[in-house]
Amino acid sequence: MLSALSRQGDVRFMMYEDSMNQQRLIQFMDRLIRTSNQKVFLILDNLKVHHGKKAAAWLDKHRDKIELFFLPPYAPESNPDEYLNHALKLSVHSGDLPRTIYDIRHKTASFMRTLQHSPDKVSAFFQHNQISYILVRG
């Protein structure tokens, strides 16, 4: 799953089953810019896919709509998406445990859709002191 969240409480996500690749990243970023009324500032970790030539070429064509920022290596505590991932794992492993890929996918999508309607919960992922570098813009 790819996800993006904002300090204001917005969440976007895209689920996939195969491995992460540049085309999936481009597809996700394209969705982000199509649904945003302003320029997207996307913070990413240093996964190799995030630095690929195809993604860079796509970004070059869309620099007026999206800009990437990269976290330092080995800094998960500085990534708000990691806090979302932690909450997701707790949710998926609560209640009836998933027994199939379908169950995992269903519980994941359900959690993410609920989160999309809970901006206060999303904003809480930004409360950690390691996330203070992200400023709110009006």
Protein backbone atom coordinates (compact mmCIF):
# COMPACT_ATOMS: atom_id res chain seq x y z
CA MET A 1 0.00 0.00 0.00
CA LEU A 2 1.09 3.53 -0.79
CA SER A 3 -0.26 6.31 1.37
CA ALA A 4 0.06 10.03 1.84
CA LEU A 5 -1.29 12.09 4.68
CA SER A 6 -1.42 15.73 5.59
CA ARG A 7 -1.15 17.53 8.87
CA GLN A 8 -4.64 18.87 8.17
CA GLY A 9 -6.00 15.31 8.32
CA ASP A 10 -6.26 14.26 4.68
CA VAL A 11 -5.38 10.69 3.68
CA ARG A 12 -4.89 9.19 0.24
CA PHE A 13 -3.95 5.58 -0.36
CA MET A 14 -3.51 3.04 -3.12
CA MET A 15 -3.38 -0.68 -2.54
CA TYR A 16 -1.45 -3.07 -4.74
CA GLU A 17 -0.45 -6.71 -4.55
CA ASP A 18 2.81 -6.98 -6.47
CA SER A 19 6.08 -5.35 -5.54
CA MET A 20 6.57 -1.61 -5.47
CA ASN A 21 7.94 -0.12 -8.68
CA GLN A 22 8.36 3.26 -10.33
CA GLN A 23 5.19 2.94 -12.40
CA ARG A 24 3.11 2.43 -9.24
CA LEU A 25 4.75 5.45 -7.63
CA ILE A 26 4.00 7.54 -10.72
CA GLN A 27 0.40 6.33 -10.75
CA PHE A 28 0.01 7.30 -7.09
CA MET A 29 1.62 10.71 -7.55
CA ASP A 30 -0.56 11.33 -10.60
CA ARG A 31 -3.64 10.61 -8.49
CA LEU A 32 -2.38 12.99 -5.81
CA ILE A 33 -1.94 15.91 -8.18
CA ARG A 34 -5.25 15.28 -9.96
CA THR A 35 -7.17 15.47 -6.67
CA SER A 36 -5.31 18.43 -5.19
CA ASN A 37 -6.20 22.09 -5.67
CA GLN A 38 -2.67 23.18 -4.83
CA LYS A 39 0.90 22.02 -5.28
CA VAL A 40 1.66 18.73 -3.53
CA PHE A 41 4.73 18.54 -1.30
CA LEU A 42 5.43 14.85 -0.83
CA ILE A 43 7.90 13.55 1.74
CA LEU A 44 9.39 10.15 0.93
CA ASP A 45 11.86 7.81 2.48
CA ASN A 46 14.85 6.65 0.45
CA LEU A 47 13.43 3.54 -1.14
CA LYS A 48 15.37 2.97 -4.34
CA VAL A 49 12.16 3.18 -6.42
CA HIS A 50 11.66 6.77 -5.23
CA HIS A 51 14.90 7.79 -6.96
CA GLY A 52 14.41 6.02 -10.27
CA LYS A 53 14.86 7.55 -13.73
CA LYS A 54 11.24 7.03 -14.81
CA ALA A 55 9.94 8.72 -11.67
CA ALA A 56 12.44 11.57 -12.09
CA ALA A 57 11.35 12.11 -15.70
CA TRP A 58 7.69 12.17 -14.66
CA LEU A 59 8.47 14.60 -11.83
CA ASP A 60 10.35 16.87 -14.21
CA LYS A 61 7.21 17.18 -16.35
CA HIS A 62 5.01 17.90 -13.32
CA ARG A 63 7.28 20.11 -11.18
CA ASP A 64 4.64 22.87 -11.10
CA LYS A 65 2.21 20.45 -9.39
CA ILE A 66 4.37 18.29 -7.12
CA GLU A 67 7.69 18.49 -5.32
CA LEU A 68 9.45 15.70 -3.46
CA PHE A 69 11.46 15.88 -0.27
CA PHE A 70 13.48 12.96 1.04
CA LEU A 71 13.96 11.95 4.64
CA PRO A 72 17.44 11.16 5.89
CA PRO A 73 18.38 7.47 5.70
CA TYR A 74 17.17 5.31 8.60
CA ALA A 75 14.82 7.93 10.05
CA PRO A 76 11.42 6.21 10.38
CA GLU A 77 10.59 8.33 13.44
CA SER A 78 10.63 11.38 11.14
CA ASN A 79 8.08 9.86 8.76
CA PRO A 80 4.41 10.48 9.67
CA ASP A 81 3.44 7.60 7.38
CA GLU A 82 5.24 5.20 9.75
CA TYR A 83 2.83 6.18 12.53
CA LEU A 84 -0.06 5.47 10.19
CA ASN A 85 1.49 2.07 9.37
CA HIS A 86 1.77 1.26 13.08
CA ALA A 87 -1.91 2.10 13.67
CA LEU A 88 -2.86 0.06 10.60
CA LYS A 89 -0.98 -3.01 11.86
CA LEU A 90 -2.65 -2.74 15.26
CA SER A 91 -6.04 -2.55 13.56
CA VAL A 92 -5.44 -5.45 11.17
CA HIS A 93 -4.26 -7.66 14.06
CA SER A 94 -7.18 -6.76 16.35
CA GLY A 95 -10.48 -8.59 16.59
CA ASP A 96 -10.83 -11.55 14.25
CA LEU A 97 -7.39 -12.23 12.85
CA PRO A 98 -7.20 -12.22 9.06
CA ARG A 99 -6.76 -15.68 7.59
CA THR A 100 -6.45 -14.90 3.90
CA ILE A 101 -5.00 -12.25 1.62
CA TYR A 102 -8.57 -11.11 1.01
CA ASP A 103 -9.12 -10.67 4.76
CA ILE A 104 -5.96 -8.59 5.10
CA ARG A 105 -6.87 -6.48 2.10
CA HIS A 106 -10.41 -5.96 3.39
CA LYS A 107 -9.29 -4.98 6.91
CA THR A 108 -6.65 -2.65 5.48
CA ALA A 109 -9.06 -0.90 3.12
CA SER A 110 -11.67 -0.62 5.86
CA PHE A 111 -9.16 0.96 8.26
CA MET A 112 -7.93 3.40 5.62
CA ARG A 113 -11.45 4.45 4.58
CA THR A 114 -12.37 5.03 8.23
CA LEU A 115 -9.19 7.07 8.65
CA GLN A 116 -10.18 9.21 5.66
CA HIS A 117 -13.22 10.30 7.67
CA SER A 118 -11.20 10.91 10.86
CA PRO A 119 -9.00 13.97 10.27
CA ASP A 120 -8.28 14.30 14.01
CA LYS A 121 -6.74 10.82 14.08
CA VAL A 122 -4.65 11.61 11.01
CA SER A 123 -3.47 14.92 12.47
CA ALA A 124 -2.40 13.05 15.62
CA PHE A 125 0.27 11.23 13.60
CA PHE A 126 2.04 14.59 13.36
CA GLN A 127 2.20 15.16 17.12
CA HIS A 128 5.53 13.38 17.63
CA ASN A 129 8.39 15.81 18.24
CA GLN A 130 10.39 14.26 15.35
CA ILE A 131 7.66 15.45 12.96
CA SER A 132 7.82 19.12 13.98
CA TYR A 133 9.78 19.93 10.81
CA ILE A 134 6.49 19.76 8.88
CA LEU A 135 4.82 23.14 9.09
CA VAL A 136 1.14 23.80 8.59
CA ARG A 137 0.41 26.02 5.61
CA GLY A 138 -2.94 27.75 5.37
